[in-house]
Amino acid sequence: MRIDFTGKKAIVCGGSKGIGRAIALGFAAAGGDVSICAREPGSLEATRAEIAKLGHKTHAASADLSQGDAVRGYVRAAVDALGGCDFLVNNASAFGSSDDNKGWTDNLAVDMLAIVHATQEALPALKKSQGSVVNISSISALHPAARQPPYGAIKAAVIHYTITQAAMYAKDRVRVNCIAPGSIEFPGGVWDRRKTANDPLYKNTLASIPFGRMGTAEEVANVALFLGSPLASWVTGQAIAVAGAQGL
């Protein structure tokens, strides 16, 4: 069965690179209108142009998702530009790894509170469309994360909040699910940079993945698009690992 998003509208927070970019492009390729935000204007405009080539309504805005007012302002503008919201994706991450005030503050602001702000702001539109939300967590939420304590802990909180959101919004027929990706490699991403630098962590991590390779952003996007589609109409409150058996 083909996924068709014709006439539907998606807002992707953190949509200029990697997983967010792949979700935005996939949604547009299936017929939908898309808004994306990010902090870096160059990659934001490049991705906006890619989406626009697919022939559907496109909106993009620079936003610092660590700032609650900026998150809410972006989502309001996106809803206005698209004329609604059927699908909200909360993808941004600060990737904080240091077990200090900055690491915890950055991760809490971007990986957790941005989800709270974006979802609350989009909720009236989501209720109207009986839409869905996908939050991006990580398999770091499911195992000890000694290299990045705040990242793993906050991503675990994202899973818990996803389940809570699903319970809160079920009466409004708004579904909320979560994806926990494993190690995903894409141009310019963390693992691509480690590979280029011959970082031993890249080889060690690769060796730990039973499939023998890193995942792709498109493989995560495929699951996100399923969750945002009518094919997942009875799926809510779920956290799905997309990791090639990594960590099992």
Protein backbone atom coordinates (compact mmCIF):
# COMPACT_ATOMS: atom_id res chain seq x y z
CA MET A 1 0.00 0.00 0.00
CA ARG A 2 1.39 3.37 -1.03
CA ILE A 3 1.67 6.21 1.50
CA ASP A 4 -0.02 9.31 0.10
CA PHE A 5 0.26 12.66 1.89
CA THR A 6 -1.47 14.72 -0.79
CA GLY A 7 -3.12 17.70 0.87
CA LYS A 8 -1.39 17.00 4.21
CA LYS A 9 0.97 19.36 6.02
CA ALA A 10 4.11 18.51 7.99
CA ILE A 11 6.24 20.60 10.33
CA VAL A 12 9.75 19.26 10.90
CA CYS A 13 11.72 20.87 13.72
CA GLY A 14 15.37 20.30 12.93
CA GLY A 15 14.71 19.54 9.28
CA SER A 16 17.73 20.73 7.33
CA LYS A 17 20.10 17.77 7.73
CA GLY A 18 20.17 14.04 8.34
CA ILE A 19 17.04 12.39 9.68
CA GLY A 20 14.95 15.57 9.66
CA ARG A 21 15.89 16.32 6.07
CA ALA A 22 15.07 12.76 4.99
CA ILE A 23 11.64 12.94 6.68
CA ALA A 24 10.86 16.31 5.11
CA LEU A 25 11.88 15.16 1.63
CA GLY A 26 10.01 11.87 2.02
CA PHE A 27 6.82 13.65 3.10
CA ALA A 28 7.02 16.03 0.14
CA ALA A 29 7.77 13.18 -2.27
CA ALA A 30 4.55 11.55 -1.08
CA GLY A 31 2.58 14.67 -1.98
CA GLY A 32 2.60 16.77 1.18
CA ASP A 33 3.41 20.38 2.03
CA VAL A 34 6.36 20.85 4.39
CA SER A 35 7.85 23.40 6.75
CA ILE A 36 11.32 22.98 8.20
CA CYS A 37 13.44 24.91 10.66
CA ALA A 38 17.07 24.86 11.72
CA ARG A 39 19.68 27.28 13.00
CA GLU A 40 22.16 27.15 10.10
CA PRO A 41 20.80 29.21 7.17
CA GLY A 42 22.92 27.60 4.44
CA SER A 43 21.76 24.02 4.94
CA LEU A 44 18.22 25.26 5.69
CA GLU A 45 17.95 27.02 2.33
CA ALA A 46 19.55 24.10 0.47
CA THR A 47 17.01 21.66 1.89
CA ARG A 48 14.11 24.08 1.33
CA ALA A 49 15.11 24.28 -2.33
CA GLU A 50 15.24 20.48 -2.60
CA ILE A 51 11.75 20.21 -1.13
CA ALA A 52 10.41 22.95 -3.39
CA LYS A 53 11.59 21.04 -6.47
CA LEU A 54 9.07 18.34 -5.59
CA GLY A 55 6.31 20.79 -6.43
CA HIS A 56 4.48 21.29 -3.15
CA LYS A 57 4.13 24.18 -0.73
CA THR A 58 7.33 24.76 1.21
CA HIS A 59 8.15 26.93 4.20
CA ALA A 60 11.45 27.33 6.04
CA ALA A 61 12.59 29.52 8.90
CA SER A 62 15.73 29.85 10.98
CA ALA A 63 15.03 29.15 14.66
CA ASP A 64 17.05 28.48 17.79
CA LEU A 65 15.14 25.57 19.28
CA SER A 66 16.82 26.03 22.64
CA GLN A 67 14.62 29.10 23.10
CA GLY A 68 10.98 28.43 23.93
CA ASP A 69 9.68 31.65 22.38
CA ALA A 70 11.57 30.89 19.16
CA VAL A 71 10.11 27.37 18.99
CA ARG A 72 6.57 28.61 19.50
CA GLY A 73 7.03 31.48 17.07
CA TYR A 74 8.32 29.14 14.38
CA VAL A 75 5.47 26.65 14.80
CA ARG A 76 2.87 29.46 14.66
CA ALA A 77 4.44 30.78 11.46
CA ALA A 78 4.60 27.30 9.95
CA VAL A 79 0.94 26.56 10.71
CA ASP A 80 -0.02 29.88 9.12
CA ALA A 81 2.17 29.31 6.05
CA LEU A 82 0.93 25.77 5.43
CA GLY A 83 -2.66 26.35 6.50
CA GLY A 84 -2.60 23.76 9.26
CA CYS A 85 -0.61 20.82 10.58
CA ASP A 86 -1.21 17.08 10.15
CA PHE A 87 2.21 15.83 11.17
CA LEU A 88 4.71 17.29 13.65
CA VAL A 89 8.24 15.90 13.84
CA ASN A 90 10.46 16.85 16.78
CA ASN A 91 13.92 15.94 15.59
CA ALA A 92 16.39 18.54 16.89
CA SER A 93 19.21 17.59 19.26
CA ALA A 94 21.97 19.45 21.07
CA PHE A 95 24.03 16.20 21.23
CA GLY A 96 25.29 17.26 24.65
CA SER A 97 27.83 14.80 26.00
CA SER A 98 29.57 16.55 28.88
CA ASP A 99 28.37 15.66 32.37
CA ASP A 100 28.31 19.30 33.46
CA ASN A 101 25.89 22.19 33.62
CA LYS A 102 26.24 23.05 29.92
CA GLY A 103 25.74 19.47 28.75
CA TRP A 104 22.59 19.05 30.82
CA THR A 105 21.21 22.51 30.10
CA ASP A 106 21.73 22.23 26.33
CA ASN A 107 20.17 18.78 26.10
CA LEU A 108 17.23 19.67 28.30
CA ALA A 109 16.47 22.81 26.29
CA VAL A 110 16.71 21.30 22.79
CA ASP A 111 16.02 17.59 23.14
CA MET A 112 13.21 17.86 25.70
CA LEU A 113 11.72 21.31 26.16
CA ALA A 114 11.63 22.04 22.41
CA ILE A 115 9.30 19.02 22.10
CA VAL A 116 7.08 20.45 24.83
CA HIS A 117 6.94 23.91 23.24
CA ALA A 118 6.46 22.73 19.66
CA THR A 119 3.76 20.20 20.48
CA GLN A 120 1.81 22.55 22.71
CA GLU A 121 1.89 25.25 20.02
CA ALA A 122 0.87 22.86 17.24
CA LEU A 123 -1.80 21.11 19.31
CA PRO A 124 -4.83 23.18 18.19
CA ALA A 125 -3.97 22.46 14.54
CA LEU A 126 -3.24 18.80 15.30
CA LYS A 127 -6.57 18.41 17.09
CA LYS A 128 -8.35 19.93 14.13
CA SER A 129 -6.68 17.55 11.66
CA GLN A 130 -6.58 14.59 14.08
CA GLY A 131 -2.93 14.46 13.19
CA SER A 132 0.13 12.82 14.67
CA VAL A 133 3.45 13.58 16.30
CA VAL A 134 6.76 11.74 16.03
CA ASN A 135 9.49 12.50 18.55
CA ILE A 136 13.03 11.40 17.80
CA SER A 137 14.82 9.78 20.72
CA SER A 138 17.81 7.40 20.55
CA ILE A 139 18.80 3.88 21.55
CA SER A 140 21.06 5.69 24.02
CA ALA A 141 17.84 6.04 26.03
CA LEU A 142 17.66 2.27 26.42
CA HIS A 143 21.19 1.49 27.65
CA PRO A 144 23.86 3.07 29.84
CA ALA A 145 25.35 6.09 28.08
CA ALA A 146 28.75 6.54 29.72
CA ARG A 147 30.10 8.72 26.89
CA GLN A 148 27.18 11.14 27.03
CA PRO A 149 25.20 10.98 30.29
CA PRO A 150 22.86 13.95 29.63
CA TYR A 151 22.07 12.82 26.10
CA GLY A 152 21.02 9.32 27.14
CA ALA A 153 19.01 10.50 30.14
CA ILE A 154 17.13 13.22 28.27
CA LYS A 155 16.40 10.87 25.37
CA ALA A 156 14.93 8.43 27.92
CA ALA A 157 12.75 11.28 29.14
CA VAL A 158 11.62 11.84 25.55
CA ILE A 159 10.31 8.27 25.41
CA HIS A 160 8.47 8.68 28.70
CA TYR A 161 6.97 12.00 27.60
CA THR A 162 5.90 10.48 24.29
CA ILE A 163 3.88 7.82 26.12
CA THR A 164 2.38 10.50 28.36
CA GLN A 165 1.49 12.68 25.37
CA ALA A 166 -0.20 9.71 23.71
CA ALA A 167 -2.35 9.17 26.80
CA MET A 168 -3.19 12.87 27.08
CA TYR A 169 -4.14 13.41 23.44
CA ALA A 170 -5.88 10.12 22.62
CA LYS A 171 -9.28 11.66 23.38
CA ASP A 172 -8.53 14.23 20.67
CA ARG A 173 -7.54 11.49 18.21
CA VAL A 174 -3.98 12.83 18.05
CA ARG A 175 -1.40 10.05 17.94
CA VAL A 176 2.10 10.44 19.41
CA ASN A 177 4.95 8.01 18.80
CA CYS A 178 8.70 7.94 19.17
CA ILE A 179 11.61 6.59 17.14
CA ALA A 180 14.88 5.57 18.80
CA PRO A 181 17.52 5.45 16.06
CA GLY A 182 20.79 3.64 16.42
CA SER A 183 23.99 4.89 14.82
CA ILE A 184 22.95 6.72 11.66
CA GLU A 185 25.52 7.84 9.10
CA PHE A 186 24.89 10.64 6.62
CA PRO A 187 27.08 13.28 4.91
CA GLY A 188 28.32 15.83 7.43
CA GLY A 189 26.84 13.93 10.39
CA VAL A 190 28.57 12.83 13.58
CA TRP A 191 29.49 9.36 12.33
CA ASP A 192 30.58 10.64 8.93
CA ARG A 193 32.96 13.04 10.64
CA ARG A 194 34.30 10.32 12.94
CA LYS A 195 34.87 8.05 9.94
CA THR A 196 36.75 10.77 8.06
CA ALA A 197 38.90 11.45 11.12
CA ASN A 198 39.70 7.73 11.53
CA ASP A 199 38.27 7.86 15.03
CA PRO A 200 38.56 4.38 16.65
CA LEU A 201 35.06 4.86 18.04
CA TYR A 202 33.66 4.62 14.51
CA LYS A 203 35.21 1.18 13.90
CA ASN A 204 34.30 -0.07 17.36
CA THR A 205 30.69 1.05 16.99
CA LEU A 206 30.43 -0.41 13.49
CA ALA A 207 31.73 -3.73 14.81
CA SER A 208 28.97 -3.75 17.44
CA ILE A 209 26.14 -3.59 14.90
CA PRO A 210 24.94 -7.09 13.88
CA PHE A 211 23.95 -5.88 10.39
CA GLY A 212 27.55 -4.82 9.82
CA ARG A 213 26.80 -1.23 8.78
CA MET A 214 25.48 2.07 10.04
CA GLY A 215 21.87 2.97 9.35
CA THR A 216 20.77 5.65 6.91
CA ALA A 217 18.62 8.70 7.52
CA GLU A 218 16.15 7.40 4.94
CA GLU A 219 15.64 4.18 6.92
CA VAL A 220 14.58 6.23 9.94
CA ALA A 221 12.44 8.48 7.74
CA ASN A 222 10.57 5.48 6.34
CA VAL A 223 9.41 4.52 9.84
CA ALA A 224 8.51 8.12 10.68
CA LEU A 225 6.42 8.45 7.51
CA PHE A 226 4.61 5.20 8.32
CA LEU A 227 3.83 6.48 11.83
CA GLY A 228 2.54 9.75 10.41
CA SER A 229 0.33 8.04 7.85
CA PRO A 230 -3.14 6.45 8.02
CA LEU A 231 -1.41 3.06 7.87
CA ALA A 232 -0.53 3.61 11.55
CA SER A 233 -4.01 4.78 12.55
CA TRP A 234 -4.09 2.42 15.59
CA VAL A 235 -0.50 3.02 16.69
CA THR A 236 0.18 5.50 19.49
CA GLY A 237 2.39 5.72 22.56
CA GLN A 238 5.07 3.51 21.01
CA ALA A 239 8.87 3.83 20.97
CA ILE A 240 10.34 2.00 17.98
CA ALA A 241 14.06 1.29 17.71
CA VAL A 242 15.46 1.66 14.20
CA ALA A 243 18.91 0.29 14.81
CA GLY A 244 19.72 -2.88 12.87
CA ALA A 245 19.80 -4.89 16.13
CA GLN A 246 22.41 -2.55 17.61
CA GLY A 247 22.41 -2.86 21.38
CA LEU A 248 20.57 -6.19 21.49
